[in-house]
Amino acid sequence: MEVLVPAGLEKSYLFVRTQRMKNVLKVQAEIFKGIRDYLDSEGFTELLPPIIGPVTDPGIRGAKQAKIDFYGMEYKVMSSAILYKQMMATALGKVYFFSPNVRLEPLETAYTGRHLVEFVQVDIEEAYVDYRGAMRTAEELVAHTLGYVKDNCSRQLEELGRELKVYKPPYPKMTYAEALDMLAKNGHPIKYGTEIPWEEEELISRLMPEPFFIMDYPKCSRGFYDMEDPDRPGILKDFDMLYPEGYGEALSGAEREYTYEKVVERMRESGEDPAKYGWYLEMLREGISPSSGFGIGVERLTRFVCGLKAVWEARPYPKVAGMYSP
């Protein structure tokens, strides 16, 4: 999929005057409704998301965290609400946020068509559910939302030239090792133990005819909060869902580490300083429920639904790495 950095991004406020952008934003509004329709019907509680805090998700694939001075103390702008979701799932069982996130992406991501510095992620967490249960929630959510949008946005999709398919679950599942094997057979060998690079992620999503999961990543490739399988040392109980047609990652999730001792051990293994996570570790000492969850990017979902070339077409005021805009 050829991606061009948009000309005139500094005047992106003018994009909304085009009929194309109006159609995209109307579809996106129905995506919001479809997501809430499914989650609310399944007994989830929507909560206000955290925006700043002492710590945020460290596992953000090469991006940097944004910092602010909070009355003399360094706070982080949320790159993900993952640490907060565990606490809320303990209290309420099934929760979700429409969570604004900021990640200072590397400059080269401006050319991927898949990365924004500022984006919204729907963060979902369920207590007493394992990672396979979270995958069922994820595929049902995506299928429901696609069907909801197709039923309510036929005119906008037609004007965008998008014939939207609704893929019925269950979606295919492959392990990380099987994904590497598929890539190697297609001339793209990847070293075991690393994240699958963006170009290879796009390739494998072109090879699949429907949304699909890659699961069971190696421990060294993900954050300390993803649970290591006690029966398979070195393998995590986690997953990504990818869209077909070359659109790449849709969502990412896992079963969570939730015991104090194991989380501290994992932090130290990954080079994180436990002293920076005071409130989070205190929460674990008090005891929390086991849980699983995932986060799905709203702009990436909009891009897929509308058939857009780049994710910046899915926001009325996009922030792209290294490009100054409103």
Foldseek 3Di string as FASTA:
>chain_A
DFFDQDPPLQVLLCVCVDPLLVLLVVLLVLLVVLLCVLQVVVPAAEDEADFKALDEDPWDPAWDWDWDQDPNHIITGYQDRVLVQQVVCQVRFKYKYQDWHATQHDQVVSRLLEDFRIFTKIWIKGFPDFLVRQLVVVLVSLLRSLVSSCVPSVPSLVVLVHDGDRDDDDAAEEEPVVLQVVCVVVPHHDDALEDDDLVSQLVVLQVDPAKYKYFFHFLNHGALFFDADPVDGRTTQWMFIAGHPSLGTFKIKHWTDQALVSSVVRCVVNPHDVVSVVVSSVVSVVPTGTMMIMMGTSLSSSCVSSVHSHSQSNDSNTHRNPDDHD
